Every structure is written in C-alpha cells, then in structure tokens.
Amino acid sequence: IIGGDDKAILYGTFTYLRNIMITKSLIFNVSEKANCSFRMINHWDNMDGSIERGYSGESFFFKNDEIIINERTEFYAKLISSVGINSVCINNVNVRNKANFLISHLYYEKLNKLSNIFEKYGIKLFLSVNFSAPMIIGDLDTCDPLDKAVENWWNDKSKEIFRNINNFGGFVVKADSEGNAGPYNYNRNHADGANMLARSVKDYG
C-alpha cells in the first residue's frame, strides 16, 4: 500500500480492507486519486443535543451544552475516514445560544481533545461561527466586515483558536439568514465578509 502522504496510506489501508471483504481475496491492484481534495460533512447539531432537520436521534457531539467525547467519537472518526471524508463541522450553521461560545476558552480543552482524535484519521475539525460574534461574545457594537476593529477582533480570535485547538481547519459561516446579522446589514456583500474572515485564518493554512 503506497501513497503520497500519511493520509493516502490510511485511505489505501481502508480500501484494502474493504476490497478483502468484497472480493474475499488478498491480492488485487487498485489505483485511486480523489477528484476533490476537500471533503466535508457539515453537521447541524445543537449544543442541547438536538439536531436541526435530524431524523435519526440526538447528537453524539453535544448534550446539555457540553461536548461529548467517548468511544463513539473514535468509531465515528474511523467510519467517515474509511470513505475519504477529511473535514467535519460539528455544529449547526444556525449558531445560537451556548454555541456562540464554542470559540471561547469555555470549550477549547474539549475541542482540542476531539480534534486530536480526528487528526489520527486524517480529519480536520471545523466550527460554525456566528457572524455577529464580535458583538455577542466580544465587546464591539458592530460586525461590519469593513470595520477595522471587527477585522482585528477576528484576527485575534483566530490566533487564539489556532493556538488552543490543534488540527483546527477553520470556520463555516451562514450570514444574513433567519434573523442573523451579516454583511448586508451594513450594505456590504458576502465577498466582503468572506474575505475578511479568510484573511484572519490565512496564516494558519
């Protein structure tokens, strides 16, 4: 089993095991290359344990506003890695209530532990964030993406997050929707908002 990096070896190993189960043979020749390098599952899990548009039970990431880490966490990471998923956003894009504080010291320790489990299986951890975070958990009175104070807030917050969470991939953002503020509130466009956030994480890959 050969590949260009450790992740490729991991995917090759899963492919080998899968082919053994399917063909009942130990010898075969398979060559694969992913068409898409970024393959994410975007969960819509809420921190109370409910799942927006979820029909198969409750969240196994959250319960009672806490992060759950147990044997199912590793089983899940192994499962999605086995089919080539390499990125996971664990929380609902409609960020409300306690989820606003996932990007704070309240949750860094648990998120880092979760992210380290994902890393073993070639998976990056992402978080959905509220575009209004500078107002909700910061001390600003605006979230205008062209306001220098807002840009500085996100720069500092990104630095803090990447320093505290190993293997962090970045943010998923839904703005100007379902009552949540966004660039449109300030007569800006979504490129203004996206580029401001992108600059805040650029130095971390």
N, C-alpha and C. Protein backbone atom coordinates (compact mmCIF):
# COMPACT_ATOMS: atom_id res chain seq x y z
N ILE A 1 0.86 -1.18 0.00
CA ILE A 1 0.00 0.00 0.00
C ILE A 1 0.90 1.23 0.00
N ILE A 2 0.78 2.03 -1.04
CA ILE A 2 1.63 3.22 -1.16
C ILE A 2 0.75 4.45 -1.41
N GLY A 3 1.30 5.61 -1.06
CA GLY A 3 0.57 6.86 -1.27
C GLY A 3 1.50 8.03 -1.09
N GLY A 4 1.02 9.19 -1.46
CA GLY A 4 1.85 10.39 -1.43
C GLY A 4 2.11 10.95 -0.05
N ASP A 5 1.26 10.60 0.94
CA ASP A 5 1.47 11.06 2.31
C ASP A 5 0.77 10.08 3.26
N ASP A 6 0.82 10.41 4.55
CA ASP A 6 0.25 9.51 5.56
C ASP A 6 -1.25 9.29 5.36
N LYS A 7 -1.96 10.35 4.95
CA LYS A 7 -3.39 10.22 4.74
C LYS A 7 -3.69 9.26 3.58
N ALA A 8 -2.88 9.34 2.53
CA ALA A 8 -3.07 8.45 1.40
C ALA A 8 -2.87 6.99 1.81
N ILE A 9 -1.87 6.75 2.67
CA ILE A 9 -1.64 5.39 3.18
C ILE A 9 -2.85 4.93 3.99
N LEU A 10 -3.40 5.83 4.79
CA LEU A 10 -4.59 5.50 5.58
C LEU A 10 -5.75 5.11 4.68
N TYR A 11 -6.02 5.94 3.65
CA TYR A 11 -7.13 5.63 2.73
C TYR A 11 -6.85 4.34 1.98
N GLY A 12 -5.59 4.11 1.62
CA GLY A 12 -5.23 2.87 0.94
C GLY A 12 -5.48 1.65 1.81
N THR A 13 -5.21 1.80 3.10
CA THR A 13 -5.44 0.69 4.03
C THR A 13 -6.93 0.38 4.14
N PHE A 14 -7.74 1.44 4.25
CA PHE A 14 -9.19 1.22 4.29
C PHE A 14 -9.67 0.58 3.00
N THR A 15 -9.14 1.01 1.87
CA THR A 15 -9.52 0.42 0.58
C THR A 15 -9.15 -1.05 0.52
N TYR A 16 -7.96 -1.37 1.02
CA TYR A 16 -7.51 -2.77 1.05
C TYR A 16 -8.46 -3.63 1.87
N LEU A 17 -8.79 -3.16 3.08
CA LEU A 17 -9.68 -3.92 3.94
C LEU A 17 -11.07 -4.07 3.31
N ARG A 18 -11.55 -3.00 2.68
CA ARG A 18 -12.87 -3.04 2.04
C ARG A 18 -12.87 -4.05 0.89
N ASN A 19 -11.81 -4.06 0.10
CA ASN A 19 -11.75 -4.99 -1.03
C ASN A 19 -11.63 -6.44 -0.59
N ILE A 20 -10.94 -6.67 0.53
CA ILE A 20 -10.89 -8.03 1.07
C ILE A 20 -12.30 -8.51 1.40
N MET A 21 -13.09 -7.64 2.04
CA MET A 21 -14.45 -8.02 2.41
C MET A 21 -15.32 -8.25 1.19
N ILE A 22 -15.10 -7.46 0.14
CA ILE A 22 -15.94 -7.56 -1.06
C ILE A 22 -15.52 -8.73 -1.94
N THR A 23 -14.21 -8.87 -2.20
CA THR A 23 -13.73 -9.87 -3.17
C THR A 23 -13.32 -11.18 -2.52
N LYS A 24 -13.14 -11.19 -1.20
CA LYS A 24 -12.65 -12.37 -0.47
C LYS A 24 -11.26 -12.77 -0.92
N SER A 25 -10.53 -11.84 -1.53
CA SER A 25 -9.18 -12.11 -2.00
C SER A 25 -8.21 -11.14 -1.32
N LEU A 26 -6.97 -11.60 -1.11
CA LEU A 26 -5.95 -10.76 -0.51
C LEU A 26 -5.10 -10.03 -1.54
N ILE A 27 -5.27 -10.39 -2.80
CA ILE A 27 -4.41 -9.83 -3.85
C ILE A 27 -5.25 -9.10 -4.87
N PHE A 28 -4.99 -7.83 -5.07
CA PHE A 28 -5.64 -7.04 -6.12
C PHE A 28 -4.84 -5.77 -6.32
N ASN A 29 -5.10 -5.10 -7.43
CA ASN A 29 -4.35 -3.90 -7.79
C ASN A 29 -5.34 -2.76 -8.00
N VAL A 30 -5.28 -1.74 -7.15
CA VAL A 30 -6.20 -0.61 -7.23
C VAL A 30 -5.38 0.68 -7.18
N SER A 31 -5.69 1.60 -8.07
CA SER A 31 -5.05 2.91 -8.04
C SER A 31 -6.14 3.97 -8.04
N GLU A 32 -6.11 4.85 -7.05
CA GLU A 32 -7.16 5.86 -6.92
C GLU A 32 -6.55 7.22 -6.63
N LYS A 33 -7.25 8.26 -7.09
CA LYS A 33 -6.89 9.63 -6.75
C LYS A 33 -8.18 10.42 -6.61
N ALA A 34 -8.36 11.07 -5.47
CA ALA A 34 -9.60 11.80 -5.20
C ALA A 34 -9.77 12.95 -6.18
N ASN A 35 -10.98 13.12 -6.67
CA ASN A 35 -11.28 14.26 -7.55
C ASN A 35 -11.35 15.56 -6.78
N CYS A 36 -11.69 15.48 -5.50
CA CYS A 36 -11.85 16.67 -4.67
C CYS A 36 -10.99 16.52 -3.42
N SER A 37 -10.14 17.51 -3.17
CA SER A 37 -9.23 17.40 -2.03
C SER A 37 -9.90 17.77 -0.71
N PHE A 38 -11.03 18.47 -0.76
CA PHE A 38 -11.71 18.95 0.44
C PHE A 38 -13.07 18.28 0.53
N ARG A 39 -13.22 17.36 1.50
CA ARG A 39 -14.43 16.53 1.57
C ARG A 39 -15.01 16.62 2.99
N MET A 40 -16.03 17.43 3.15
CA MET A 40 -16.55 17.76 4.49
C MET A 40 -17.94 17.20 4.73
N ILE A 41 -18.17 16.78 5.97
CA ILE A 41 -19.52 16.56 6.48
C ILE A 41 -19.85 17.75 7.37
N ASN A 42 -20.99 18.38 7.12
CA ASN A 42 -21.42 19.56 7.85
C ASN A 42 -22.61 19.18 8.72
N HIS A 43 -22.37 18.96 10.01
CA HIS A 43 -23.44 18.58 10.94
C HIS A 43 -24.25 19.81 11.34
N TRP A 44 -25.53 19.58 11.59
CA TRP A 44 -26.40 20.65 12.07
C TRP A 44 -26.80 20.35 13.51
N ASP A 45 -25.82 19.99 14.32
CA ASP A 45 -26.07 19.62 15.71
C ASP A 45 -26.10 20.86 16.61
N ASN A 46 -27.06 20.88 17.52
CA ASN A 46 -27.16 21.95 18.50
C ASN A 46 -26.58 21.48 19.84
N MET A 47 -26.13 22.43 20.63
CA MET A 47 -25.43 22.06 21.85
C MET A 47 -26.33 21.47 22.93
N ASP A 48 -27.65 21.64 22.78
CA ASP A 48 -28.55 20.99 23.74
C ASP A 48 -28.75 19.51 23.41
N GLY A 49 -28.17 19.07 22.30
CA GLY A 49 -28.28 17.67 21.89
C GLY A 49 -29.23 17.43 20.75
N SER A 50 -30.06 18.42 20.43
CA SER A 50 -30.98 18.28 19.30
C SER A 50 -30.24 18.50 17.99
N ILE A 51 -30.85 18.09 16.90
CA ILE A 51 -30.27 18.26 15.58
C ILE A 51 -31.31 18.90 14.67
N GLU A 52 -30.98 20.04 14.10
CA GLU A 52 -31.91 20.68 13.17
C GLU A 52 -32.01 19.82 11.91
N ARG A 53 -33.24 19.47 11.55
CA ARG A 53 -33.51 18.57 10.43
C ARG A 53 -32.85 17.21 10.65
N GLY A 54 -32.77 16.81 11.90
CA GLY A 54 -32.21 15.49 12.20
C GLY A 54 -33.33 14.51 12.45
N TYR A 55 -33.21 13.32 11.87
CA TYR A 55 -34.30 12.35 11.96
C TYR A 55 -33.85 11.00 12.51
N SER A 56 -32.65 10.96 13.06
CA SER A 56 -32.10 9.66 13.49
C SER A 56 -31.61 9.69 14.92
N GLY A 57 -32.25 10.47 15.76
CA GLY A 57 -31.83 10.53 17.14
C GLY A 57 -31.15 11.84 17.47
N GLU A 58 -30.46 11.86 18.61
CA GLU A 58 -29.84 13.08 19.08
C GLU A 58 -28.35 13.13 18.75
N SER A 59 -27.76 14.27 18.99
CA SER A 59 -26.35 14.49 18.67
C SER A 59 -25.45 13.59 19.50
N PHE A 60 -24.36 13.11 18.88
CA PHE A 60 -23.33 12.42 19.66
C PHE A 60 -22.10 13.31 19.84
N PHE A 61 -22.24 14.59 19.48
CA PHE A 61 -21.21 15.58 19.78
C PHE A 61 -21.56 16.43 21.01
N PHE A 62 -22.86 16.66 21.23
CA PHE A 62 -23.29 17.58 22.28
C PHE A 62 -24.45 17.02 23.11
N LYS A 63 -24.47 17.42 24.38
CA LYS A 63 -25.60 17.14 25.25
C LYS A 63 -25.57 18.14 26.39
N ASN A 64 -26.71 18.76 26.64
CA ASN A 64 -26.83 19.72 27.75
C ASN A 64 -25.74 20.78 27.72
N ASP A 65 -25.47 21.30 26.53
CA ASP A 65 -24.50 22.38 26.31
C ASP A 65 -23.06 21.98 26.62
N GLU A 66 -22.80 20.69 26.59
CA GLU A 66 -21.43 20.20 26.78
C GLU A 66 -21.02 19.35 25.57
N ILE A 67 -19.71 19.23 25.38
CA ILE A 67 -19.16 18.43 24.30
C ILE A 67 -18.97 16.99 24.79
N ILE A 68 -19.45 16.04 24.02
CA ILE A 68 -19.35 14.62 24.38
C ILE A 68 -18.14 14.02 23.67
N ILE A 69 -17.30 13.34 24.44
CA ILE A 69 -16.19 12.57 23.86
C ILE A 69 -16.19 11.20 24.53
N ASN A 70 -16.41 10.16 23.74
CA ASN A 70 -16.42 8.79 24.26
C ASN A 70 -16.01 7.83 23.15
N GLU A 71 -16.23 6.55 23.32
CA GLU A 71 -15.77 5.59 22.31
C GLU A 71 -16.46 5.78 20.97
N ARG A 72 -17.68 6.32 20.99
CA ARG A 72 -18.39 6.56 19.73
C ARG A 72 -17.67 7.62 18.89
N THR A 73 -17.00 8.55 19.57
CA THR A 73 -16.27 9.60 18.86
C THR A 73 -15.23 8.99 17.93
N GLU A 74 -14.47 8.05 18.45
CA GLU A 74 -13.42 7.42 17.64
C GLU A 74 -14.03 6.51 16.57
N PHE A 75 -15.10 5.81 16.92
CA PHE A 75 -15.79 4.98 15.91
C PHE A 75 -16.27 5.84 14.75
N TYR A 76 -16.82 7.01 15.07
CA TYR A 76 -17.30 7.92 14.04
C TYR A 76 -16.16 8.40 13.15
N ALA A 77 -15.04 8.80 13.78
CA ALA A 77 -13.89 9.27 13.01
C ALA A 77 -13.38 8.18 12.07
N LYS A 78 -13.31 6.97 12.57
CA LYS A 78 -12.85 5.85 11.76
C LYS A 78 -13.81 5.59 10.59
N LEU A 79 -15.10 5.66 10.88
CA LEU A 79 -16.13 5.43 9.85
C LEU A 79 -16.01 6.42 8.70
N ILE A 80 -15.99 7.72 9.01
CA ILE A 80 -16.00 8.69 7.91
C ILE A 80 -14.66 8.73 7.19
N SER A 81 -13.57 8.47 7.92
CA SER A 81 -12.27 8.42 7.27
C SER A 81 -12.21 7.26 6.28
N SER A 82 -12.89 6.17 6.61
CA SER A 82 -12.84 4.98 5.75
C SER A 82 -13.46 5.23 4.39
N VAL A 83 -14.29 6.27 4.25
CA VAL A 83 -14.88 6.60 2.95
C VAL A 83 -14.32 7.92 2.42
N GLY A 84 -13.21 8.38 3.01
CA GLY A 84 -12.48 9.50 2.44
C GLY A 84 -12.86 10.88 2.93
N ILE A 85 -13.75 11.00 3.93
CA ILE A 85 -14.08 12.31 4.48
C ILE A 85 -12.87 12.84 5.24
N ASN A 86 -12.49 14.10 4.99
CA ASN A 86 -11.31 14.64 5.67
C ASN A 86 -11.57 15.94 6.44
N SER A 87 -12.83 16.34 6.55
CA SER A 87 -13.18 17.56 7.28
C SER A 87 -14.57 17.39 7.89
N VAL A 88 -14.73 17.88 9.12
CA VAL A 88 -16.03 17.79 9.80
C VAL A 88 -16.32 19.10 10.51
N CYS A 89 -17.50 19.65 10.27
CA CYS A 89 -18.02 20.77 11.05
C CYS A 89 -19.06 20.20 12.00
N ILE A 90 -18.85 20.34 13.30
CA ILE A 90 -19.65 19.58 14.26
C ILE A 90 -20.92 20.29 14.71
N ASN A 91 -21.05 21.60 14.44
CA ASN A 91 -22.21 22.31 14.98
C ASN A 91 -23.02 23.00 13.89
N ASN A 92 -24.27 23.24 14.22
CA ASN A 92 -25.26 23.83 13.32
C ASN A 92 -24.79 25.20 12.79
N VAL A 93 -25.01 25.41 11.49
CA VAL A 93 -24.65 26.70 10.89
C VAL A 93 -25.51 27.84 11.45
N ASN A 94 -26.69 27.51 11.96
CA ASN A 94 -27.51 28.50 12.65
C ASN A 94 -27.03 28.54 14.10
N VAL A 95 -26.01 29.34 14.35
CA VAL A 95 -25.33 29.35 15.64
C VAL A 95 -26.14 30.17 16.64
N ARG A 96 -26.59 29.50 17.69
CA ARG A 96 -27.43 30.15 18.69
C ARG A 96 -27.00 29.74 20.10
N ASN A 97 -27.42 30.55 21.07
CA ASN A 97 -27.27 30.22 22.48
C ASN A 97 -25.82 29.88 22.83
N LYS A 98 -25.61 28.77 23.52
CA LYS A 98 -24.27 28.44 24.03
C LYS A 98 -23.27 28.18 22.90
N ALA A 99 -23.77 27.81 21.72
CA ALA A 99 -22.87 27.53 20.59
C ALA A 99 -22.06 28.76 20.19
N ASN A 100 -22.56 29.94 20.51
CA ASN A 100 -21.79 31.15 20.24
C ASN A 100 -20.44 31.12 20.95
N PHE A 101 -20.38 30.39 22.07
CA PHE A 101 -19.18 30.39 22.91
C PHE A 101 -18.25 29.22 22.64
N LEU A 102 -18.53 28.45 21.58
CA LEU A 102 -17.58 27.39 21.20
C LEU A 102 -16.21 27.97 20.88
N ILE A 103 -16.19 29.21 20.37
CA ILE A 103 -14.90 29.85 20.07
C ILE A 103 -14.46 30.70 21.26
N SER A 104 -14.49 30.07 22.43
CA SER A 104 -14.02 30.75 23.65
C SER A 104 -13.33 29.72 24.54
N HIS A 105 -12.67 30.20 25.57
CA HIS A 105 -11.94 29.32 26.47
C HIS A 105 -12.85 28.34 27.21
N LEU A 106 -14.15 28.54 27.17
CA LEU A 106 -15.07 27.61 27.80
C LEU A 106 -14.96 26.21 27.21
N TYR A 107 -14.60 26.12 25.92
CA TYR A 107 -14.67 24.83 25.24
C TYR A 107 -13.36 24.40 24.57
N TYR A 108 -12.32 25.19 24.64
CA TYR A 108 -11.08 24.86 23.93
C TYR A 108 -10.50 23.51 24.34
N GLU A 109 -10.51 23.22 25.62
CA GLU A 109 -9.89 21.97 26.08
C GLU A 109 -10.57 20.75 25.47
N LYS A 110 -11.90 20.72 25.52
CA LYS A 110 -12.65 19.59 24.96
C LYS A 110 -12.52 19.56 23.44
N LEU A 111 -12.57 20.72 22.78
CA LEU A 111 -12.44 20.76 21.33
C LEU A 111 -11.06 20.27 20.90
N ASN A 112 -10.05 20.60 21.65
CA ASN A 112 -8.70 20.14 21.33
C ASN A 112 -8.61 18.62 21.44
N LYS A 113 -9.22 18.07 22.46
CA LYS A 113 -9.23 16.61 22.62
C LYS A 113 -9.96 15.94 21.47
N LEU A 114 -11.11 16.51 21.09
CA LEU A 114 -11.88 15.99 19.96
C LEU A 114 -11.08 16.08 18.67
N SER A 115 -10.44 17.22 18.46
CA SER A 115 -9.67 17.44 17.24
C SER A 115 -8.49 16.49 17.14
N ASN A 116 -7.89 16.16 18.27
CA ASN A 116 -6.77 15.22 18.26
C ASN A 116 -7.21 13.81 17.86
N ILE A 117 -8.42 13.44 18.25
CA ILE A 117 -8.97 12.15 17.81
C ILE A 117 -9.18 12.17 16.30
N PHE A 118 -9.76 13.25 15.80
CA PHE A 118 -9.97 13.37 14.36
C PHE A 118 -8.65 13.31 13.59
N GLU A 119 -7.63 13.95 14.15
CA GLU A 119 -6.35 14.04 13.44
C GLU A 119 -5.76 12.66 13.16
N LYS A 120 -5.98 11.71 14.07
CA LYS A 120 -5.46 10.36 13.87
C LYS A 120 -6.01 9.73 12.60
N TYR A 121 -7.17 10.19 12.17
CA TYR A 121 -7.83 9.62 11.00
C TYR A 121 -7.85 10.60 9.81
N GLY A 122 -6.97 11.59 9.85
CA GLY A 122 -6.82 12.50 8.71
C GLY A 122 -7.95 13.48 8.54
N ILE A 123 -8.62 13.85 9.65
CA ILE A 123 -9.81 14.71 9.59
C ILE A 123 -9.53 16.03 10.29
N LYS A 124 -9.87 17.14 9.65
CA LYS A 124 -9.76 18.46 10.25
C LYS A 124 -11.08 18.84 10.92
N LEU A 125 -10.97 19.49 12.07
CA LEU A 125 -12.15 19.99 12.78
C LEU A 125 -12.47 21.42 12.35
N PHE A 126 -13.73 21.66 12.00
CA PHE A 126 -14.23 22.99 11.69
C PHE A 126 -15.36 23.34 12.65
N LEU A 127 -15.60 24.63 12.83
CA LEU A 127 -16.70 25.10 13.65
C LEU A 127 -17.53 26.12 12.89
N SER A 128 -18.86 26.02 13.02
CA SER A 128 -19.73 27.09 12.54
C SER A 128 -19.66 28.23 13.53
N VAL A 129 -19.55 29.45 13.01
CA VAL A 129 -19.47 30.62 13.88
C VAL A 129 -20.55 31.63 13.49
N ASN A 130 -20.94 32.43 14.45
CA ASN A 130 -21.92 33.48 14.22
C ASN A 130 -21.19 34.70 13.70
N PHE A 131 -21.64 35.23 12.57
CA PHE A 131 -21.00 36.42 12.01
C PHE A 131 -21.04 37.60 12.99
N SER A 132 -22.01 37.57 13.90
CA SER A 132 -22.15 38.63 14.90
C SER A 132 -21.30 38.39 16.14
N ALA A 133 -20.43 37.41 16.10
CA ALA A 133 -19.63 37.07 17.30
C ALA A 133 -18.91 38.25 17.92
N PRO A 134 -18.37 39.19 17.12
CA PRO A 134 -17.70 40.33 17.76
C PRO A 134 -18.63 41.13 18.68
N MET A 135 -19.93 41.08 18.42
CA MET A 135 -20.91 41.77 19.26
C MET A 135 -21.42 40.86 20.38
N ILE A 136 -21.61 39.57 20.07
CA ILE A 136 -22.24 38.66 21.02
C ILE A 136 -21.27 38.22 22.11
N ILE A 137 -20.06 37.86 21.73
CA ILE A 137 -19.09 37.41 22.74
C ILE A 137 -17.93 38.39 22.88
N GLY A 138 -17.88 39.38 22.02
CA GLY A 138 -16.87 40.43 22.13
C GLY A 138 -17.47 41.67 22.74
N ASP A 139 -16.76 42.76 22.66
CA ASP A 139 -17.25 44.00 23.27
C ASP A 139 -17.49 45.08 22.22
N LEU A 140 -17.72 44.65 20.95
CA LEU A 140 -17.94 45.61 19.88
C LEU A 140 -19.42 45.88 19.69
N ASP A 141 -19.73 47.00 19.08
CA ASP A 141 -21.12 47.34 18.80
C ASP A 141 -21.44 47.20 17.32
N THR A 142 -20.59 46.52 16.57
CA THR A 142 -20.80 46.30 15.15
C THR A 142 -20.12 45.00 14.73
N CYS A 143 -20.60 44.44 13.62
CA CYS A 143 -19.89 43.32 12.99
C CYS A 143 -19.68 43.62 11.51
N ASP A 144 -19.61 44.90 11.18
CA ASP A 144 -19.34 45.36 9.82
C ASP A 144 -17.98 44.81 9.36
N PRO A 145 -17.97 44.00 8.30
CA PRO A 145 -16.71 43.36 7.88
C PRO A 145 -15.63 44.34 7.41
N LEU A 146 -16.02 45.58 7.10
CA LEU A 146 -15.03 46.57 6.67
C LEU A 146 -14.60 47.49 7.80
N ASP A 147 -15.12 47.22 9.00
CA ASP A 147 -14.69 47.98 10.18
C ASP A 147 -13.38 47.39 10.69
N LYS A 148 -12.37 48.23 10.86
CA LYS A 148 -11.05 47.75 11.25
C LYS A 148 -11.07 47.04 12.61
N ALA A 149 -11.90 47.52 13.52
CA ALA A 149 -11.99 46.89 14.84
C ALA A 149 -12.55 45.47 14.73
N VAL A 150 -13.50 45.28 13.81
CA VAL A 150 -14.08 43.94 13.59
C VAL A 150 -13.02 43.02 13.00
N GLU A 151 -12.31 43.51 12.01
CA GLU A 151 -11.25 42.69 11.40
C GLU A 151 -10.20 42.33 12.43
N ASN A 152 -9.81 43.28 13.27
CA ASN A 152 -8.81 42.99 14.31
C ASN A 152 -9.34 41.96 15.31
N TRP A 153 -10.64 42.05 15.62
CA TRP A 153 -11.23 41.10 16.56
C TRP A 153 -11.14 39.68 16.02
N TRP A 154 -11.50 39.51 14.74
CA TRP A 154 -11.42 38.18 14.14
C TRP A 154 -9.97 37.71 14.01
N ASN A 155 -9.05 38.60 13.72
CA ASN A 155 -7.64 38.23 13.66
C ASN A 155 -7.17 37.70 15.01
N ASP A 156 -7.52 38.41 16.08
CA ASP A 156 -7.11 37.99 17.43
C ASP A 156 -7.81 36.69 17.82
N LYS A 157 -9.09 36.57 17.47
CA LYS A 157 -9.84 35.37 17.82
C LYS A 157 -9.29 34.15 17.07
N SER A 158 -8.97 34.32 15.80
CA SER A 158 -8.40 33.20 15.04
C SER A 158 -7.06 32.76 15.62
N LYS A 159 -6.24 33.72 15.96
CA LYS A 159 -4.95 33.41 16.58
C LYS A 159 -5.15 32.61 17.87
N GLU A 160 -6.12 33.04 18.66
CA GLU A 160 -6.43 32.37 19.92
C GLU A 160 -6.90 30.93 19.69
N ILE A 161 -7.80 30.77 18.72
CA ILE A 161 -8.36 29.45 18.43
C ILE A 161 -7.28 28.49 17.94
N PHE A 162 -6.50 28.92 16.96
CA PHE A 162 -5.48 28.04 16.40
C PHE A 162 -4.38 27.73 17.42
N ARG A 163 -4.19 28.61 18.38
CA ARG A 163 -3.21 28.35 19.44
C ARG A 163 -3.75 27.31 20.43
N ASN A 164 -5.05 27.24 20.60
CA ASN A 164 -5.65 26.37 21.61
C ASN A 164 -6.22 25.07 21.07
N ILE A 165 -6.49 25.01 19.76
CA ILE A 165 -7.07 23.80 19.17
C ILE A 165 -6.14 23.28 18.10
N ASN A 166 -5.49 22.18 18.38
CA ASN A 166 -4.64 21.53 17.38
C ASN A 166 -5.50 20.99 16.24
N ASN A 167 -4.96 21.01 15.02
CA ASN A 167 -5.64 20.41 13.88
C ASN A 167 -6.96 21.11 13.54
N PHE A 168 -7.06 22.40 13.85
CA PHE A 168 -8.28 23.15 13.53
C PHE A 168 -8.24 23.57 12.07
N GLY A 169 -9.38 23.41 11.38
CA GLY A 169 -9.42 23.70 9.95
C GLY A 169 -9.89 25.09 9.59
N GLY A 170 -10.84 25.63 10.38
CA GLY A 170 -11.37 26.96 10.07
C GLY A 170 -12.85 27.06 10.38
N PHE A 171 -13.49 28.05 9.76
CA PHE A 171 -14.87 28.40 10.07
C PHE A 171 -15.83 28.04 8.94
N VAL A 172 -17.04 27.68 9.34
CA VAL A 172 -18.18 27.62 8.42
C VAL A 172 -19.12 28.75 8.85
N VAL A 173 -19.58 29.53 7.89
CA VAL A 173 -20.36 30.73 8.24
C VAL A 173 -21.63 30.80 7.41
N LYS A 174 -22.75 31.04 8.09
CA LYS A 174 -24.02 31.35 7.44
C LYS A 174 -24.43 32.72 7.95
N ALA A 175 -24.58 33.67 7.07
CA ALA A 175 -24.88 35.04 7.50
C ALA A 175 -26.09 35.58 6.72
N ASP A 176 -26.69 36.65 7.25
CA ASP A 176 -27.84 37.28 6.60
C ASP A 176 -28.98 36.28 6.38
N SER A 177 -29.24 35.44 7.37
CA SER A 177 -30.26 34.42 7.20
C SER A 177 -30.94 34.14 8.54
N GLU A 178 -32.24 33.94 8.49
CA GLU A 178 -33.02 33.53 9.67
C GLU A 178 -32.79 34.45 10.86
N GLY A 179 -32.73 35.74 10.58
CA GLY A 179 -32.62 36.72 11.65
C GLY A 179 -31.21 37.01 12.11
N ASN A 180 -30.23 36.26 11.60
CA ASN A 180 -28.85 36.51 11.98
C ASN A 180 -28.25 37.63 11.13
N ALA A 181 -27.45 38.46 11.77
CA ALA A 181 -26.83 39.57 11.06
C ALA A 181 -25.76 39.07 10.10
N GLY A 182 -25.44 39.94 9.14
CA GLY A 182 -24.40 39.62 8.18
C GLY A 182 -23.95 40.87 7.47
N PRO A 183 -23.15 40.73 6.44
CA PRO A 183 -22.65 41.90 5.70
C PRO A 183 -23.76 42.80 5.16
N TYR A 184 -24.90 42.20 4.79
CA TYR A 184 -25.99 43.00 4.21
C TYR A 184 -26.49 44.06 5.18
N ASN A 185 -26.37 43.78 6.48
CA ASN A 185 -26.81 44.76 7.47
C ASN A 185 -26.06 46.08 7.35
N TYR A 186 -24.88 46.03 6.75
CA TYR A 186 -24.01 47.21 6.66
C TYR A 186 -23.78 47.63 5.21
N ASN A 187 -24.71 47.19 4.33
CA ASN A 187 -24.60 47.48 2.91
C ASN A 187 -23.30 46.96 2.31
N ARG A 188 -22.84 45.83 2.83
CA ARG A 188 -21.68 45.13 2.27
C ARG A 188 -22.18 43.87 1.56
N ASN A 189 -21.28 43.19 0.85
CA ASN A 189 -21.68 41.94 0.21
C ASN A 189 -20.97 40.76 0.88
N HIS A 190 -21.34 39.56 0.47
CA HIS A 190 -20.78 38.38 1.13
C HIS A 190 -19.30 38.20 0.84
N ALA A 191 -18.83 38.71 -0.27
CA ALA A 191 -17.38 38.66 -0.53
C ALA A 191 -16.63 39.49 0.52
N ASP A 192 -17.20 40.63 0.90
CA ASP A 192 -16.57 41.45 1.94
C ASP A 192 -16.43 40.67 3.25
N GLY A 193 -17.51 39.98 3.61
CA GLY A 193 -17.48 39.20 4.84
C GLY A 193 -16.56 38.00 4.75
N ALA A 194 -16.65 37.27 3.64
CA ALA A 194 -15.84 36.06 3.48
C ALA A 194 -14.36 36.39 3.43
N ASN A 195 -14.01 37.45 2.71
CA ASN A 195 -12.59 37.80 2.58
C ASN A 195 -12.01 38.30 3.89
N MET A 196 -12.82 39.01 4.67
CA MET A 196 -12.36 39.45 5.98
C MET A 196 -12.03 38.26 6.87
N LEU A 197 -12.91 37.26 6.88
CA LEU A 197 -12.68 36.06 7.68
C LEU A 197 -11.52 35.24 7.12
N ALA A 198 -11.43 35.18 5.79
CA ALA A 198 -10.36 34.41 5.17
C ALA A 198 -8.98 34.99 5.52
N ARG A 199 -8.90 36.31 5.58
CA ARG A 199 -7.63 36.92 5.95
C ARG A 199 -7.24 36.55 7.39
N SER A 200 -8.25 36.36 8.23
CA SER A 200 -7.95 36.06 9.64
C SER A 200 -7.38 34.66 9.83
N VAL A 201 -7.67 33.75 8.90
CA VAL A 201 -7.18 32.37 9.04
C VAL A 201 -6.08 32.03 8.04
N LYS A 202 -5.77 32.94 7.15
CA LYS A 202 -4.82 32.65 6.07
C LYS A 202 -3.47 32.15 6.60
N ASP A 203 -2.95 32.77 7.64
CA ASP A 203 -1.64 32.41 8.14
C ASP A 203 -1.58 31.00 8.72
N TYR A 204 -2.74 30.37 8.92
CA TYR A 204 -2.79 29.05 9.52
C TYR A 204 -3.14 27.95 8.50
N GLY A 205 -3.11 28.36 7.24
CA GLY A 205 -3.35 27.39 6.17
C GLY A 205 -4.81 27.19 5.82
